[in-house]
Structure formats: structure tokens, C-alpha cells
PDB file of N, CA and C in Angstrom:
ATOM      1  N   GLN A   1     -32.904  18.340  -3.019  1.00  0.00           N
ATOM      2  CA  GLN A   1     -31.659  17.926  -3.675  1.00  0.00           C
ATOM      3  C   GLN A   1     -30.467  18.331  -2.800  1.00  0.00           C
ATOM      4  N   VAL A   2     -29.487  17.443  -2.725  1.00  0.00           N
ATOM      5  CA  VAL A   2     -28.288  17.708  -1.937  1.00  0.00           C
ATOM      6  C   VAL A   2     -27.225  18.314  -2.842  1.00  0.00           C
ATOM      7  N   GLN A   3     -26.646  19.421  -2.407  1.00  0.00           N
ATOM      8  CA  GLN A   3     -25.546  20.040  -3.146  1.00  0.00           C
ATOM      9  C   GLN A   3     -24.280  20.006  -2.315  1.00  0.00           C
ATOM     10  N   LEU A   4     -23.184  19.677  -2.976  1.00  0.00           N
ATOM     11  CA  LEU A   4     -21.880  19.648  -2.326  1.00  0.00           C
ATOM     12  C   LEU A   4     -20.960  20.605  -3.066  1.00  0.00           C
ATOM     13  N   VAL A   5     -20.325  21.491  -2.332  1.00  0.00           N
ATOM     14  CA  VAL A   5     -19.419  22.463  -2.939  1.00  0.00           C
ATOM     15  C   VAL A   5     -18.055  22.300  -2.297  1.00  0.00           C
ATOM     16  N   GLU A   6     -17.067  21.985  -3.132  1.00  0.00           N
ATOM     17  CA  GLU A   6     -15.700  21.787  -2.654  1.00  0.00           C
ATOM     18  C   GLU A   6     -14.879  23.049  -2.867  1.00  0.00           C
ATOM     19  N   SER A   7     -13.855  23.186  -2.055  1.00  0.00           N
ATOM     20  CA  SER A   7     -12.922  24.296  -2.212  1.00  0.00           C
ATOM     21  C   SER A   7     -11.572  23.882  -1.657  1.00  0.00           C
ATOM     22  N   GLY A   8     -10.530  24.613  -2.066  1.00  0.00           N
ATOM     23  CA  GLY A   8      -9.227  24.405  -1.485  1.00  0.00           C
ATOM     24  C   GLY A   8      -8.194  23.733  -2.371  1.00  0.00           C
ATOM     25  N   GLY A   9      -8.581  23.331  -3.566  1.00  0.00           N
ATOM     26  CA  GLY A   9      -7.605  22.711  -4.447  1.00  0.00           C
ATOM     27  C   GLY A   9      -6.616  23.738  -4.991  1.00  0.00           C
ATOM     28  N   GLY A  10      -5.619  23.234  -5.715  1.00  0.00           N
ATOM     29  CA  GLY A  10      -4.653  24.147  -6.312  1.00  0.00           C
ATOM     30  C   GLY A  10      -3.342  23.461  -6.621  1.00  0.00           C
ATOM     31  N   LEU A  11      -2.330  24.288  -6.824  1.00  0.00           N
ATOM     32  CA  LEU A  11      -0.991  23.804  -7.141  1.00  0.00           C
ATOM     33  C   LEU A  11      -0.109  23.906  -5.906  1.00  0.00           C
ATOM     34  N   VAL A  12       0.610  22.841  -5.607  1.00  0.00           N
ATOM     35  CA  VAL A  12       1.492  22.831  -4.443  1.00  0.00           C
ATOM     36  C   VAL A  12       2.763  22.063  -4.793  1.00  0.00           C
ATOM     37  N   GLN A  13       3.858  22.426  -4.169  1.00  0.00           N
ATOM     38  CA  GLN A  13       5.113  21.727  -4.403  1.00  0.00           C
ATOM     39  C   GLN A  13       5.149  20.422  -3.618  1.00  0.00           C
ATOM     40  N   PRO A  14       5.927  19.463  -4.089  1.00  0.00           N
ATOM     41  CA  PRO A  14       6.073  18.206  -3.329  1.00  0.00           C
ATOM     42  C   PRO A  14       6.517  18.491  -1.896  1.00  0.00           C
ATOM     43  N   GLY A  15       5.891  17.771  -0.969  1.00  0.00           N
ATOM     44  CA  GLY A  15       6.164  17.987   0.445  1.00  0.00           C
ATOM     45  C   GLY A  15       5.267  19.028   1.085  1.00  0.00           C
ATOM     46  N   GLY A  16       4.513  19.732   0.272  1.00  0.00           N
ATOM     47  CA  GLY A  16       3.637  20.781   0.790  1.00  0.00           C
ATOM     48  C   GLY A  16       2.310  20.248   1.302  1.00  0.00           C
ATOM     49  N   SER A  17       1.456  21.181   1.681  1.00  0.00           N
ATOM     50  CA  SER A  17       0.160  20.824   2.260  1.00  0.00           C
ATOM     51  C   SER A  17      -0.959  21.592   1.576  1.00  0.00           C
ATOM     52  N   LEU A  18      -2.126  20.984   1.572  1.00  0.00           N
ATOM     53  CA  LEU A  18      -3.353  21.630   1.130  1.00  0.00           C
ATOM     54  C   LEU A  18      -4.481  21.169   2.031  1.00  0.00           C
ATOM     55  N   ARG A  19      -5.492  22.017   2.108  1.00  0.00           N
ATOM     56  CA  ARG A  19      -6.670  21.684   2.902  1.00  0.00           C
ATOM     57  C   ARG A  19      -7.894  21.823   2.008  1.00  0.00           C
ATOM     58  N   LEU A  20      -8.604  20.714   1.834  1.00  0.00           N
ATOM     59  CA  LEU A  20      -9.837  20.716   1.047  1.00  0.00           C
ATOM     60  C   LEU A  20     -11.037  20.776   1.980  1.00  0.00           C
ATOM     61  N   SER A  21     -12.035  21.537   1.561  1.00  0.00           N
ATOM     62  CA  SER A  21     -13.270  21.617   2.332  1.00  0.00           C
ATOM     63  C   SER A  21     -14.456  21.325   1.426  1.00  0.00           C
ATOM     64  N   CYS A  22     -15.505  20.806   2.034  1.00  0.00           N
ATOM     65  CA  CYS A  22     -16.725  20.489   1.288  1.00  0.00           C
ATOM     66  C   CYS A  22     -17.915  20.838   2.172  1.00  0.00           C
ATOM     67  N   ALA A  23     -18.803  21.636   1.626  1.00  0.00           N
ATOM     68  CA  ALA A  23     -20.008  22.032   2.357  1.00  0.00           C
ATOM     69  C   ALA A  23     -21.227  21.413   1.704  1.00  0.00           C
ATOM     70  N   ALA A  24     -22.018  20.725   2.503  1.00  0.00           N
ATOM     71  CA  ALA A  24     -23.252  20.112   2.021  1.00  0.00           C
ATOM     72  C   ALA A  24     -24.426  21.020   2.347  1.00  0.00           C
ATOM     73  N   SER A  25     -25.288  21.218   1.369  1.00  0.00           N
ATOM     74  CA  SER A  25     -26.459  22.063   1.590  1.00  0.00           C
ATOM     75  C   SER A  25     -27.649  21.499   0.828  1.00  0.00           C
ATOM     76  N   GLY A  26     -28.788  22.153   0.984  1.00  0.00           N
ATOM     77  CA  GLY A  26     -29.992  21.696   0.304  1.00  0.00           C
ATOM     78  C   GLY A  26     -30.805  20.791   1.197  1.00  0.00           C
ATOM     79  N   SER A  27     -31.563  19.897   0.567  1.00  0.00           N
ATOM     80  CA  SER A  27     -32.447  19.003   1.298  1.00  0.00           C
ATOM     81  C   SER A  27     -31.657  17.805   1.813  1.00  0.00           C
ATOM     82  N   ILE A  28     -31.329  17.843   3.096  1.00  0.00           N
ATOM     83  CA  ILE A  28     -30.582  16.743   3.707  1.00  0.00           C
ATOM     84  C   ILE A  28     -31.332  16.300   4.948  1.00  0.00           C
ATOM     85  N   PHE A  29     -31.882  15.075   4.926  1.00  0.00           N
ATOM     86  CA  PHE A  29     -32.577  14.574   6.105  1.00  0.00           C
ATOM     87  C   PHE A  29     -31.594  13.942   7.075  1.00  0.00           C
ATOM     88  N   SER A  30     -30.687  13.143   6.527  1.00  0.00           N
ATOM     89  CA  SER A  30     -29.698  12.504   7.394  1.00  0.00           C
ATOM     90  C   SER A  30     -28.452  12.162   6.603  1.00  0.00           C
ATOM     91  N   ILE A  31     -27.319  12.206   7.284  1.00  0.00           N
ATOM     92  CA  ILE A  31     -26.031  11.839   6.697  1.00  0.00           C
ATOM     93  C   ILE A  31     -25.474  10.664   7.478  1.00  0.00           C
ATOM     94  N   TYR A  32     -25.062   9.632   6.766  1.00  0.00           N
ATOM     95  CA  TYR A  32     -24.467   8.461   7.408  1.00  0.00           C
ATOM     96  C   TYR A  32     -22.951   8.552   7.423  1.00  0.00           C
ATOM     97  N   ALA A  33     -22.396   9.055   6.327  1.00  0.00           N
ATOM     98  CA  ALA A  33     -20.954   9.174   6.238  1.00  0.00           C
ATOM     99  C   ALA A  33     -20.594  10.216   5.194  1.00  0.00           C
ATOM    100  N   MET A  34     -19.425  10.781   5.364  1.00  0.00           N
ATOM    101  CA  MET A  34     -18.864  11.704   4.374  1.00  0.00           C
ATOM    102  C   MET A  34     -17.469  11.225   4.021  1.00  0.00           C
ATOM    103  N   GLY A  35     -17.030  11.548   2.831  1.00  0.00           N
ATOM    104  CA  GLY A  35     -15.727  11.058   2.441  1.00  0.00           C
ATOM    105  C   GLY A  35     -15.122  11.831   1.295  1.00  0.00           C
ATOM    106  N   TRP A  36     -13.890  11.450   0.978  1.00  0.00           N
ATOM    107  CA  TRP A  36     -13.158  12.047  -0.140  1.00  0.00           C
ATOM    108  C   TRP A  36     -12.639  10.948  -1.054  1.00  0.00           C
ATOM    109  N   TYR A  37     -12.752  11.198  -2.334  1.00  0.00           N
ATOM    110  CA  TYR A  37     -12.241  10.329  -3.372  1.00  0.00           C
ATOM    111  C   TYR A  37     -11.351  11.166  -4.289  1.00  0.00           C
ATOM    112  N   ARG A  38     -10.600  10.503  -5.134  1.00  0.00           N
ATOM    113  CA  ARG A  38      -9.852  11.214  -6.159  1.00  0.00           C
ATOM    114  C   ARG A  38      -9.789  10.361  -7.429  1.00  0.00           C
ATOM    115  N   GLN A  39      -9.580  11.065  -8.531  1.00  0.00           N
ATOM    116  CA  GLN A  39      -9.443  10.368  -9.808  1.00  0.00           C
ATOM    117  C   GLN A  39      -8.363  11.052 -10.624  1.00  0.00           C
ATOM    118  N   ALA A  40      -7.332  10.284 -10.934  1.00  0.00           N
ATOM    119  CA  ALA A  40      -6.249  10.777 -11.781  1.00  0.00           C
ATOM    120  C   ALA A  40      -6.550  10.395 -13.228  1.00  0.00           C
ATOM    121  N   PRO A  41      -5.977  11.097 -14.186  1.00  0.00           N
ATOM    122  CA  PRO A  41      -6.231  10.787 -15.599  1.00  0.00           C
ATOM    123  C   PRO A  41      -5.896   9.339 -15.922  1.00  0.00           C
ATOM    124  N   GLY A  42      -6.844   8.667 -16.568  1.00  0.00           N
ATOM    125  CA  GLY A  42      -6.633   7.294 -16.968  1.00  0.00           C
ATOM    126  C   GLY A  42      -6.777   6.269 -15.862  1.00  0.00           C
ATOM    127  N   LYS A  43      -7.174   6.725 -14.671  1.00  0.00           N
ATOM    128  CA  LYS A  43      -7.323   5.803 -13.545  1.00  0.00           C
ATOM    129  C   LYS A  43      -8.749   5.830 -13.014  1.00  0.00           C
ATOM    130  N   GLU A  44      -9.092   4.797 -12.256  1.00  0.00           N
ATOM    131  CA  GLU A  44     -10.413   4.736 -11.647  1.00  0.00           C
ATOM    132  C   GLU A  44     -10.469   5.649 -10.418  1.00  0.00           C
ATOM    133  N   ARG A  45     -11.695   6.021 -10.069  1.00  0.00           N
ATOM    134  CA  ARG A  45     -11.874   6.831  -8.870  1.00  0.00           C
ATOM    135  C   ARG A  45     -11.453   6.010  -7.651  1.00  0.00           C
ATOM    136  N   GLU A  46     -10.694   6.636  -6.774  1.00  0.00           N
ATOM    137  CA  GLU A  46     -10.097   5.971  -5.613  1.00  0.00           C
ATOM    138  C   GLU A  46     -10.646   6.554  -4.324  1.00  0.00           C
ATOM    139  N   LEU A  47     -11.099   5.672  -3.423  1.00  0.00           N
ATOM    140  CA  LEU A  47     -11.544   6.104  -2.109  1.00  0.00           C
ATOM    141  C   LEU A  47     -10.332   6.456  -1.261  1.00  0.00           C
ATOM    142  N   LEU A  48     -10.348   7.650  -0.667  1.00  0.00           N
ATOM    143  CA  LEU A  48      -9.230   8.091   0.160  1.00  0.00           C
ATOM    144  C   LEU A  48      -9.521   8.002   1.654  1.00  0.00           C
ATOM    145  N   ALA A  49     -10.660   8.544   2.052  1.00  0.00           N
ATOM    146  CA  ALA A  49     -10.958   8.611   3.475  1.00  0.00           C
ATOM    147  C   ALA A  49     -12.451   8.779   3.685  1.00  0.00           C
ATOM    148  N   THR A  50     -12.945   8.196   4.773  1.00  0.00           N
ATOM    149  CA  THR A  50     -14.340   8.352   5.145  1.00  0.00           C
ATOM    150  C   THR A  50     -14.446   8.642   6.628  1.00  0.00           C
ATOM    151  N   ILE A  51     -15.547   9.285   6.999  1.00  0.00           N
ATOM    152  CA  ILE A  51     -15.835   9.544   8.404  1.00  0.00           C
ATOM    153  C   ILE A  51     -17.326   9.340   8.609  1.00  0.00           C
ATOM    154  N   THR A  52     -17.685   8.545   9.599  1.00  0.00           N
ATOM    155  CA  THR A  52     -19.092   8.252   9.843  1.00  0.00           C
ATOM    156  C   THR A  52     -19.712   9.353  10.692  1.00  0.00           C
ATOM    157  N   ASP A  53     -21.025   9.491  10.532  1.00  0.00           N
ATOM    158  CA  ASP A  53     -21.713  10.573  11.230  1.00  0.00           C
ATOM    159  C   ASP A  53     -21.901  10.269  12.703  1.00  0.00           C
ATOM    160  N   GLY A  54     -22.257   9.037  13.010  1.00  0.00           N
ATOM    161  CA  GLY A  54     -22.604   8.704  14.390  1.00  0.00           C
ATOM    162  C   GLY A  54     -21.444   8.807  15.356  1.00  0.00           C
ATOM    163  N   ASP A  55     -20.391   8.022  15.130  1.00  0.00           N
ATOM    164  CA  ASP A  55     -19.294   7.963  16.086  1.00  0.00           C
ATOM    165  C   ASP A  55     -18.024   8.636  15.581  1.00  0.00           C
ATOM    166  N   GLY A  56     -18.073   9.193  14.376  1.00  0.00           N
ATOM    167  CA  GLY A  56     -16.892   9.871  13.855  1.00  0.00           C
ATOM    168  C   GLY A  56     -15.760   8.930  13.513  1.00  0.00           C
ATOM    169  N   ASN A  57     -16.074   7.663  13.291  1.00  0.00           N
ATOM    170  CA  ASN A  57     -15.049   6.695  12.946  1.00  0.00           C
ATOM    171  C   ASN A  57     -14.461   7.026  11.573  1.00  0.00           C
ATOM    172  N   THR A  58     -13.150   6.955  11.469  1.00  0.00           N
ATOM    173  CA  THR A  58     -12.474   7.282  10.209  1.00  0.00           C
ATOM    174  C   THR A  58     -11.768   6.076   9.624  1.00  0.00           C
ATOM    175  N   ASN A  59     -11.685   6.070   8.314  1.00  0.00           N
ATOM    176  CA  ASN A  59     -10.940   5.052   7.589  1.00  0.00           C
ATOM    177  C   ASN A  59     -10.166   5.719   6.462  1.00  0.00           C
ATOM    178  N   TYR A  60      -8.970   5.182   6.185  1.00  0.00           N
ATOM    179  CA  TYR A  60      -8.103   5.764   5.172  1.00  0.00           C
ATOM    180  C   TYR A  60      -7.560   4.693   4.229  1.00  0.00           C
ATOM    181  N   ALA A  61      -7.357   5.112   2.992  1.00  0.00           N
ATOM    182  CA  ALA A  61      -6.649   4.246   2.058  1.00  0.00           C
ATOM    183  C   ALA A  61      -5.178   4.175   2.470  1.00  0.00           C
ATOM    184  N   ASP A  62      -4.554   3.050   2.196  1.00  0.00           N
ATOM    185  CA  ASP A  62      -3.142   2.896   2.559  1.00  0.00           C
ATOM    186  C   ASP A  62      -2.274   3.969   1.916  1.00  0.00           C
ATOM    187  N   SER A  63      -2.674   4.425   0.735  1.00  0.00           N
ATOM    188  CA  SER A  63      -1.869   5.382  -0.013  1.00  0.00           C
ATOM    189  C   SER A  63      -1.789   6.749   0.673  1.00  0.00           C
ATOM    190  N   VAL A  64      -2.734   7.045   1.568  1.00  0.00           N
ATOM    191  CA  VAL A  64      -2.738   8.368   2.217  1.00  0.00           C
ATOM    192  C   VAL A  64      -2.665   8.279   3.732  1.00  0.00           C
ATOM    193  N   LYS A  65      -2.674   7.092   4.272  1.00  0.00           N
ATOM    194  CA  LYS A  65      -2.653   6.916   5.723  1.00  0.00           C
ATOM    195  C   LYS A  65      -1.394   7.555   6.303  1.00  0.00           C
ATOM    196  N   GLY A  66      -1.589   8.350   7.350  1.00  0.00           N
ATOM    197  CA  GLY A  66      -0.466   9.039   7.978  1.00  0.00           C
ATOM    198  C   GLY A  66      -0.143  10.382   7.375  1.00  0.00           C
ATOM    199  N   ARG A  67      -0.702  10.666   6.208  1.00  0.00           N
ATOM    200  CA  ARG A  67      -0.445  11.960   5.543  1.00  0.00           C
ATOM    201  C   ARG A  67      -1.714  12.813   5.465  1.00  0.00           C
ATOM    202  N   PHE A  68      -2.856  12.169   5.286  1.00  0.00           N
ATOM    203  CA  PHE A  68      -4.127  12.885   5.149  1.00  0.00           C
ATOM    204  C   PHE A  68      -4.966  12.673   6.402  1.00  0.00           C
ATOM    205  N   THR A  69      -5.740  13.703   6.745  1.00  0.00           N
ATOM    206  CA  THR A  69      -6.640  13.612   7.898  1.00  0.00           C
ATOM    207  C   THR A  69      -8.006  14.152   7.501  1.00  0.00           C
ATOM    208  N   ILE A  70      -9.033  13.339   7.741  1.00  0.00           N
ATOM    209  CA  ILE A  70     -10.401  13.762   7.459  1.00  0.00           C
ATOM    210  C   ILE A  70     -11.072  14.174   8.762  1.00  0.00           C
ATOM    211  N   SER A  71     -11.884  15.216   8.671  1.00  0.00           N
ATOM    212  CA  SER A  71     -12.635  15.659   9.842  1.00  0.00           C
ATOM    213  C   SER A  71     -13.946  16.267   9.360  1.00  0.00           C
ATOM    214  N   ARG A  72     -14.893  16.388  10.290  1.00  0.00           N
ATOM    215  CA  ARG A  72     -16.164  16.985   9.882  1.00  0.00           C
ATOM    216  C   ARG A  72     -16.751  17.827  10.991  1.00  0.00           C
ATOM    217  N   ASP A  73     -17.483  18.828  10.564  1.00  0.00           N
ATOM    218  CA  ASP A  73     -18.232  19.680  11.470  1.00  0.00           C
ATOM    219  C   ASP A  73     -19.704  19.338  11.266  1.00  0.00           C
ATOM    220  N   LYS A  74     -20.275  18.615  12.210  1.00  0.00           N
ATOM    221  CA  LYS A  74     -21.647  18.142  12.048  1.00  0.00           C
ATOM    222  C   LYS A  74     -22.631  19.296  12.022  1.00  0.00           C
ATOM    223  N   ALA A  75     -22.376  20.314  12.807  1.00  0.00           N
ATOM    224  CA  ALA A  75     -23.308  21.445  12.869  1.00  0.00           C
ATOM    225  C   ALA A  75     -23.382  22.185  11.539  1.00  0.00           C
ATOM    226  N   LYS A  76     -22.263  22.237  10.829  1.00  0.00           N
ATOM    227  CA  LYS A  76     -22.222  22.966   9.566  1.00  0.00           C
ATOM    228  C   LYS A  76     -22.328  22.052   8.357  1.00  0.00           C
ATOM    229  N   ASN A  77     -22.396  20.735   8.567  1.00  0.00           N
ATOM    230  CA  ASN A  77     -22.430  19.774   7.465  1.00  0.00           C
ATOM    231  C   ASN A  77     -21.256  19.976   6.510  1.00  0.00           C
ATOM    232  N   THR A  78     -20.085  20.109   7.076  1.00  0.00           N
ATOM    233  CA  THR A  78     -18.882  20.247   6.266  1.00  0.00           C
ATOM    234  C   THR A  78     -17.913  19.110   6.582  1.00  0.00           C
ATOM    235  N   VAL A  79     -17.118  18.772   5.596  1.00  0.00           N
ATOM    236  CA  VAL A  79     -16.068  17.778   5.772  1.00  0.00           C
ATOM    237  C   VAL A  79     -14.781  18.350   5.183  1.00  0.00           C
ATOM    238  N   THR A  80     -13.687  18.093   5.866  1.00  0.00           N
ATOM    239  CA  THR A  80     -12.397  18.664   5.489  1.00  0.00           C
ATOM    240  C   THR A  80     -11.374  17.553   5.317  1.00  0.00           C
ATOM    241  N   LEU A  81     -10.483  17.750   4.368  1.00  0.00           N
ATOM    242  CA  LEU A  81      -9.377  16.815   4.172  1.00  0.00           C
ATOM    243  C   LEU A  81      -8.080  17.603   4.257  1.00  0.00           C
ATOM    244  N   GLN A  82      -7.334  17.391   5.324  1.00  0.00           N
ATOM    245  CA  GLN A  82      -6.014  18.016   5.468  1.00  0.00           C
ATOM    246  C   GLN A  82      -5.000  17.085   4.832  1.00  0.00           C
ATOM    247  N   MET A  83      -4.271  17.617   3.854  1.00  0.00           N
ATOM    248  CA  MET A  83      -3.316  16.799   3.117  1.00  0.00           C
ATOM    249  C   MET A  83      -1.915  17.329   3.340  1.00  0.00           C
ATOM    250  N   ASN A  84      -1.066  16.507   3.928  1.00  0.00           N
ATOM    251  CA  ASN A  84       0.311  16.882   4.209  1.00  0.00           C
ATOM    252  C   ASN A  84       1.258  15.979   3.432  1.00  0.00           C
ATOM    253  N   SER A  85       2.504  16.406   3.347  1.00  0.00           N
ATOM    254  CA  SER A  85       3.544  15.617   2.681  1.00  0.00           C
ATOM    255  C   SER A  85       3.094  15.164   1.300  1.00  0.00           C
ATOM    256  N   LEU A  86       2.574  16.101   0.548  1.00  0.00           N
ATOM    257  CA  LEU A  86       2.014  15.756  -0.761  1.00  0.00           C
ATOM    258  C   LEU A  86       3.093  15.314  -1.739  1.00  0.00           C
ATOM    259  N   LYS A  87       2.706  14.381  -2.588  1.00  0.00           N
ATOM    260  CA  LYS A  87       3.604  13.795  -3.576  1.00  0.00           C
ATOM    261  C   LYS A  87       3.046  14.044  -4.984  1.00  0.00           C
ATOM    262  N   PRO A  88       3.888  14.012  -5.991  1.00  0.00           N
ATOM    263  CA  PRO A  88       3.371  14.177  -7.363  1.00  0.00           C
ATOM    264  C   PRO A  88       2.271  13.177  -7.703  1.00  0.00           C
ATOM    265  N   GLU A  89       2.344  11.984  -7.158  1.00  0.00           N
ATOM    266  CA  GLU A  89       1.315  10.986  -7.453  1.00  0.00           C
ATOM    267  C   GLU A  89      -0.016  11.273  -6.776  1.00  0.00           C
ATOM    268  N   ASP A  90      -0.062  12.307  -5.949  1.00  0.00           N
ATOM    269  CA  ASP A  90      -1.338  12.736  -5.373  1.00  0.00           C
ATOM    270  C   ASP A  90      -2.106  13.642  -6.328  1.00  0.00           C
ATOM    271  N   THR A  91      -1.493  13.988  -7.442  1.00  0.00           N
ATOM    272  CA  THR A  91      -2.165  14.837  -8.423  1.00  0.00           C
ATOM    273  C   THR A  91      -3.398  14.140  -8.979  1.00  0.00           C
ATOM    274  N   ALA A  92      -4.534  14.821  -8.873  1.00  0.00           N
ATOM    275  CA  ALA A  92      -5.810  14.246  -9.300  1.00  0.00           C
ATOM    276  C   ALA A  92      -6.920  15.268  -9.096  1.00  0.00           C
ATOM    277  N   VAL A  93      -8.097  14.920  -9.553  1.00  0.00           N
ATOM    278  CA  VAL A  93      -9.302  15.665  -9.191  1.00  0.00           C
ATOM    279  C   VAL A  93      -9.877  15.006  -7.943  1.00  0.00           C
ATOM    280  N   TYR A  94     -10.127  15.819  -6.931  1.00  0.00           N
ATOM    281  CA  TYR A  94     -10.616  15.321  -5.656  1.00  0.00           C
ATOM    282  C   TYR A  94     -12.108  15.611  -5.519  1.00  0.00           C
ATOM    283  N   TYR A  95     -12.846  14.585  -5.093  1.00  0.00           N
ATOM    284  CA  TYR A  95     -14.294  14.674  -4.992  1.00  0.00           C
ATOM    285  C   TYR A  95     -14.762  14.429  -3.565  1.00  0.00           C
ATOM    286  N   CYS A  96     -15.692  15.247  -3.155  1.00  0.00           N
ATOM    287  CA  CYS A  96     -16.368  15.062  -1.878  1.00  0.00           C
ATOM    288  C   CYS A  96     -17.570  14.137  -2.082  1.00  0.00           C
ATOM    289  N   ASN A  97     -17.826  13.302  -1.106  1.00  0.00           N
ATOM    290  CA  ASN A  97     -18.958  12.361  -1.168  1.00  0.00           C
ATOM    291  C   ASN A  97     -19.749  12.396   0.126  1.00  0.00           C
ATOM    292  N   VAL A  98     -21.049  12.358  -0.020  1.00  0.00           N
ATOM    293  CA  VAL A  98     -21.941  12.221   1.136  1.00  0.00           C
ATOM    294  C   VAL A  98     -22.849  11.031   0.890  1.00  0.00           C
ATOM    295  N   ASN A  99     -22.950  10.164   1.878  1.00  0.00           N
ATOM    296  CA  ASN A  99     -23.899   9.045   1.825  1.00  0.00           C
ATOM    297  C   ASN A  99     -24.998   9.344   2.823  1.00  0.00           C
ATOM    298  N   GLY A 100     -26.228   9.494   2.314  1.00  0.00           N
ATOM    299  CA  GLY A 100     -27.308   9.862   3.212  1.00  0.00           C
ATOM    300  C   GLY A 100     -28.655   9.837   2.538  1.00  0.00           C
ATOM    301  N   ARG A 101     -29.628  10.430   3.220  1.00  0.00           N
ATOM    302  CA  ARG A 101     -30.995  10.517   2.695  1.00  0.00           C
ATOM    303  C   ARG A 101     -31.371  11.981   2.529  1.00  0.00           C
ATOM    304  N   ALA A 102     -31.964  12.291   1.364  1.00  0.00           N
ATOM    305  CA  ALA A 102     -32.407  13.661   1.137  1.00  0.00           C
ATOM    306  C   ALA A 102     -33.677  13.975   1.924  1.00  0.00           C
ATOM    307  N   ARG A 103     -34.537  12.964   2.050  1.00  0.00           N
ATOM    308  CA  ARG A 103     -35.795  13.109   2.802  1.00  0.00           C
ATOM    309  C   ARG A 103     -35.969  11.895   3.683  1.00  0.00           C
ATOM    310  N   ARG A 104     -36.931  11.966   4.611  1.00  0.00           N
ATOM    311  CA  ARG A 104     -37.119  10.924   5.607  1.00  0.00           C
ATOM    312  C   ARG A 104     -37.338   9.555   4.974  1.00  0.00           C
ATOM    313  N   PHE A 105     -38.146   9.469   3.925  1.00  0.00           N
ATOM    314  CA  PHE A 105     -38.479   8.180   3.331  1.00  0.00           C
ATOM    315  C   PHE A 105     -37.803   7.946   1.988  1.00  0.00           C
ATOM    316  N   SER A 106     -36.840   8.770   1.653  1.00  0.00           N
ATOM    317  CA  SER A 106     -36.125   8.536   0.409  1.00  0.00           C
ATOM    318  C   SER A 106     -35.049   7.493   0.649  1.00  0.00           C
ATOM    319  N   SER A 107     -34.549   6.936  -0.435  1.00  0.00           N
ATOM    320  CA  SER A 107     -33.537   5.896  -0.315  1.00  0.00           C
ATOM    321  C   SER A 107     -32.187   6.511   0.037  1.00  0.00           C
ATOM    322  N   ARG A 108     -31.371   5.691   0.627  1.00  0.00           N
ATOM    323  CA  ARG A 108     -30.018   6.116   0.951  1.00  0.00           C
ATOM    324  C   ARG A 108     -29.214   6.195  -0.337  1.00  0.00           C
ATOM    325  N   SER A 109     -28.555   7.306  -0.554  1.00  0.00           N
ATOM    326  CA  SER A 109     -27.869   7.537  -1.823  1.00  0.00           C
ATOM    327  C   SER A 109     -26.516   8.180  -1.604  1.00  0.00           C
ATOM    328  N   ASP A 110     -25.714   8.130  -2.666  1.00  0.00           N
ATOM    329  CA  ASP A 110     -24.433   8.830  -2.683  1.00  0.00           C
ATOM    330  C   ASP A 110     -24.586  10.130  -3.457  1.00  0.00           C
ATOM    331  N   TYR A 111     -24.047  11.190  -2.891  1.00  0.00           N
ATOM    332  CA  TYR A 111     -24.058  12.500  -3.535  1.00  0.00           C
ATOM    333  C   TYR A 111     -22.615  12.954  -3.710  1.00  0.00           C
ATOM    334  N   TRP A 112     -22.373  13.669  -4.817  1.00  0.00           N
ATOM    335  CA  TRP A 112     -21.001  14.021  -5.180  1.00  0.00           C
ATOM    336  C   TRP A 112     -20.850  15.514  -5.435  1.00  0.00           C
ATOM    337  N   GLY A 113     -19.677  16.020  -5.093  1.00  0.00           N
ATOM    338  CA  GLY A 113     -19.328  17.372  -5.474  1.00  0.00           C
ATOM    339  C   GLY A 113     -18.828  17.407  -6.907  1.00  0.00           C
ATOM    340  N   GLN A 114     -18.515  18.604  -7.373  1.00  0.00           N
ATOM    341  CA  GLN A 114     -18.109  18.777  -8.764  1.00  0.00           C
ATOM    342  C   GLN A 114     -16.639  18.459  -8.969  1.00  0.00           C
ATOM    343  N   GLY A 115     -15.897  18.342  -7.895  1.00  0.00           N
ATOM    344  CA  GLY A 115     -14.481  18.024  -7.978  1.00  0.00           C
ATOM    345  C   GLY A 115     -13.614  19.271  -7.941  1.00  0.00           C
ATOM    346  N   THR A 116     -12.431  19.112  -7.361  1.00  0.00           N
ATOM    347  CA  THR A 116     -11.463  20.207  -7.313  1.00  0.00           C
ATOM    348  C   THR A 116     -10.085  19.645  -7.665  1.00  0.00           C
ATOM    349  N   GLN A 117      -9.368  20.357  -8.503  1.00  0.00           N
ATOM    350  CA  GLN A 117      -8.080  19.864  -8.987  1.00  0.00           C
ATOM    351  C   GLN A 117      -6.984  20.108  -7.955  1.00  0.00           C
ATOM    352  N   VAL A 118      -6.204  19.072  -7.708  1.00  0.00           N
ATOM    353  CA  VAL A 118      -5.002  19.188  -6.883  1.00  0.00           C
ATOM    354  C   VAL A 118      -3.825  18.764  -7.755  1.00  0.00           C
ATOM    355  N   THR A 119      -2.857  19.649  -7.875  1.00  0.00           N
ATOM    356  CA  THR A 119      -1.666  19.364  -8.663  1.00  0.00           C
ATOM    357  C   THR A 119      -0.440  19.526  -7.782  1.00  0.00           C
ATOM    358  N   VAL A 120       0.358  18.465  -7.712  1.00  0.00           N
ATOM    359  CA  VAL A 120       1.580  18.483  -6.909  1.00  0.00           C
ATOM    360  C   VAL A 120       2.756  18.440  -7.880  1.00  0.00           C
ATOM    361  N   SER A 121       3.465  19.550  -7.962  1.00  0.00           N
ATOM    362  CA  SER A 121       4.543  19.649  -8.934  1.00  0.00           C
ATOM    363  C   SER A 121       5.516  20.745  -8.522  1.00  0.00           C
ATOM    364  N   SER A 122       6.772  20.536  -8.866  1.00  0.00           N
ATOM    365  CA  SER A 122       7.777  21.560  -8.598  1.00  0.00           C
ATOM    366  C   SER A 122       7.945  22.467  -9.814  1.00  0.00           C
TER     367      SER A 122
END
């Protein structure tokens, strides 16, 4: 079983920064991509950023492009989201995602962390 543990959420003032981290552990045969999503109250879960395992290619939602940066440490199976210039509308629960296989012949699946709250408020 793949476990994802997020850390780094909290309360920050508008214009401030936070750094989220996610560590993947357990039975992981291969990872294709890692990413971050968020869900605000009453809204659907939103894809923010992804990074592929092979070439490290990154993609960002327009809402965070230029403000958020995703990176990963392949050796440690961790993914980080650096969030700068935070706005009140960035307030949400942030989720780490891993797309991969738990075992060699298992199906490719999405795995999720438990979520970490980010609140942007003065």
C-alpha cells in the first residue's frame, strides 16, 4: 500500500509564502507523476501542478502559474510545492497525488494524501 504524508500547511497573510511537502512511502514499484490538488469549500477538487518522473516535466494551472513551483526529490520520493504571493482565494485543503504502481503487475492508480489546510487571511 502506498502512503502519502503531507506537511507544511497553515495560516499565512496575503502576499506570504508557504512550502508544502509530501513524502511517499510503503509499497511503491514505480511512480509516473506526482502532483498537487486543492479543494475549497463548496468547490470541486482542482489540479494545481504536476511533475513527471521520467523527464521532470512540469505543468501548472493558470490560477497558480508564476506563483507556485513544484519540485521532487526522486531519491526520497518526495514532492514539494513552493507557494508564493498567496491570495485569500488560495485558501483550501491541499492534497498530494501520486500516479503509479504499487507492485510490478498491479494497475496504474492514483494515490492521495490526507490533505493539509492552507488559509490565507489577514
